[in-house]
Protein backbone atom coordinates (compact mmCIF):
# COMPACT_ATOMS: atom_id res chain seq x y z
CA UNK A 1 -240.48 22.21 259.48
CA UNK A 2 -240.22 19.13 257.25
CA UNK A 3 -236.46 19.59 256.97
CA UNK A 4 -236.12 19.93 260.75
CA UNK A 5 -238.16 16.78 261.37
CA UNK A 6 -236.14 14.91 258.76
CA UNK A 7 -232.85 16.02 260.36
CA UNK A 8 -234.09 14.72 263.72
CA UNK A 9 -235.14 11.42 262.21
CA UNK A 10 -238.76 12.12 263.10
CA UNK A 11 -240.53 10.60 260.15
CA UNK A 12 -244.32 10.85 259.71
CA UNK A 13 -244.84 7.48 261.39
CA UNK A 14 -243.47 9.03 264.57
CA UNK A 15 -245.46 12.24 264.67
CA UNK A 16 -248.37 12.00 262.20
CA UNK A 17 -249.49 8.42 262.63
CA UNK A 18 -250.57 8.74 266.29
CA UNK A 19 -252.76 11.71 265.37
CA UNK A 20 -254.32 9.94 262.39
CA UNK A 21 -254.64 6.65 264.26
CA UNK A 22 -256.88 8.32 266.84
CA UNK A 23 -258.69 10.35 264.14
CA UNK A 24 -257.82 13.44 266.20
CA UNK A 25 -259.94 12.24 269.14
CA UNK A 26 -257.02 12.59 271.55
CA UNK A 27 -256.31 16.12 270.43
CA UNK A 28 -259.75 17.71 270.23
CA UNK A 29 -262.51 18.04 272.78
CA UNK A 30 -265.68 16.14 271.84
CA UNK A 31 -267.51 19.16 270.43
CA UNK A 32 -264.57 20.17 268.25
CA UNK A 33 -263.99 16.57 267.17
CA UNK A 34 -267.59 16.45 265.93
CA UNK A 35 -267.10 19.70 264.02
CA UNK A 36 -263.97 18.28 262.39
CA UNK A 37 -265.85 15.14 261.37
CA UNK A 38 -268.66 17.20 259.92
CA UNK A 39 -266.06 18.85 257.71
CA UNK A 40 -264.32 15.56 256.90
CA UNK A 41 -267.57 13.99 255.77
CA UNK A 42 -268.61 17.01 253.71
CA UNK A 43 -265.29 17.74 252.01
CA UNK A 44 -262.88 15.78 249.90
CA UNK A 45 -260.68 13.21 251.68
CA UNK A 46 -257.72 15.56 251.35
CA UNK A 47 -259.23 17.59 254.21
CA UNK A 48 -257.77 14.99 256.63
CA UNK A 49 -254.28 15.86 255.39
CA UNK A 50 -255.09 19.56 255.65
CA UNK A 51 -256.17 19.09 259.27
CA UNK A 52 -252.89 17.29 259.97
CA UNK A 53 -250.88 20.09 258.37
CA UNK A 54 -252.87 22.64 260.39
CA UNK A 55 -252.05 20.73 263.59
CA UNK A 56 -248.36 20.71 262.69
CA UNK A 57 -248.46 24.40 261.79
CA UNK A 58 -250.18 25.37 265.04
CA UNK A 59 -247.62 23.40 267.02
CA UNK A 60 -244.70 24.50 264.85
CA UNK A 61 -242.78 26.47 267.49
CA UNK A 62 -242.72 23.51 269.90
CA UNK A 63 -241.85 21.05 267.15
CA UNK A 64 -239.06 23.29 265.86
CA UNK A 65 -237.70 23.64 269.40
CA UNK A 66 -237.30 19.86 269.66
CA UNK A 67 -233.71 18.65 269.54
CA UNK A 68 -234.45 14.95 269.07
CA UNK A 69 -237.04 12.66 267.55
CA UNK A 70 -237.92 11.54 271.06
CA UNK A 71 -238.85 15.10 272.05
CA UNK A 72 -241.13 15.36 269.02
CA UNK A 73 -242.74 12.04 269.96
CA UNK A 74 -243.26 13.12 273.57
CA UNK A 75 -244.70 16.48 272.54
CA UNK A 76 -247.19 14.87 270.17
CA UNK A 77 -248.27 12.51 272.95
CA UNK A 78 -249.07 15.34 275.37
CA UNK A 79 -252.49 15.54 273.66
CA UNK A 80 -252.84 19.28 273.62
CA UNK A 81 -256.41 20.21 272.79
CA UNK A 82 -256.71 22.59 269.88
CA UNK A 83 -259.83 24.55 269.07
CA UNK A 84 -261.25 23.33 265.77
CA UNK A 85 -262.06 26.82 264.58
CA UNK A 86 -258.33 27.51 264.38
CA UNK A 87 -258.00 24.47 262.08
CA UNK A 88 -260.78 25.74 259.88
CA UNK A 89 -259.23 29.21 259.74
CA UNK A 90 -255.89 27.72 258.67
CA UNK A 91 -257.65 25.54 256.10
CA UNK A 92 -259.33 28.56 254.54
CA UNK A 93 -256.14 30.62 254.40
CA UNK A 94 -253.53 27.97 253.45
């Protein structure tokens, strides 16, 4: 996925920064956002990066289908809610 994003010119500032800037609040419902923050406060700071990787992995098919950096940007800004338990599952099994 990293190679595909690089080929499109979609650097992390384009796709990752909006997610981190909102601290996932635009992408998780309130209850799941609180669960994520419980985990962020109880684990090492690297958990934030793991959550970001999990988001990218869950949305991999759509991101890989993008043919331009603009499509990646627009997809990220759709604010698709993801269930936090999927993040935690990916975190455990990465």
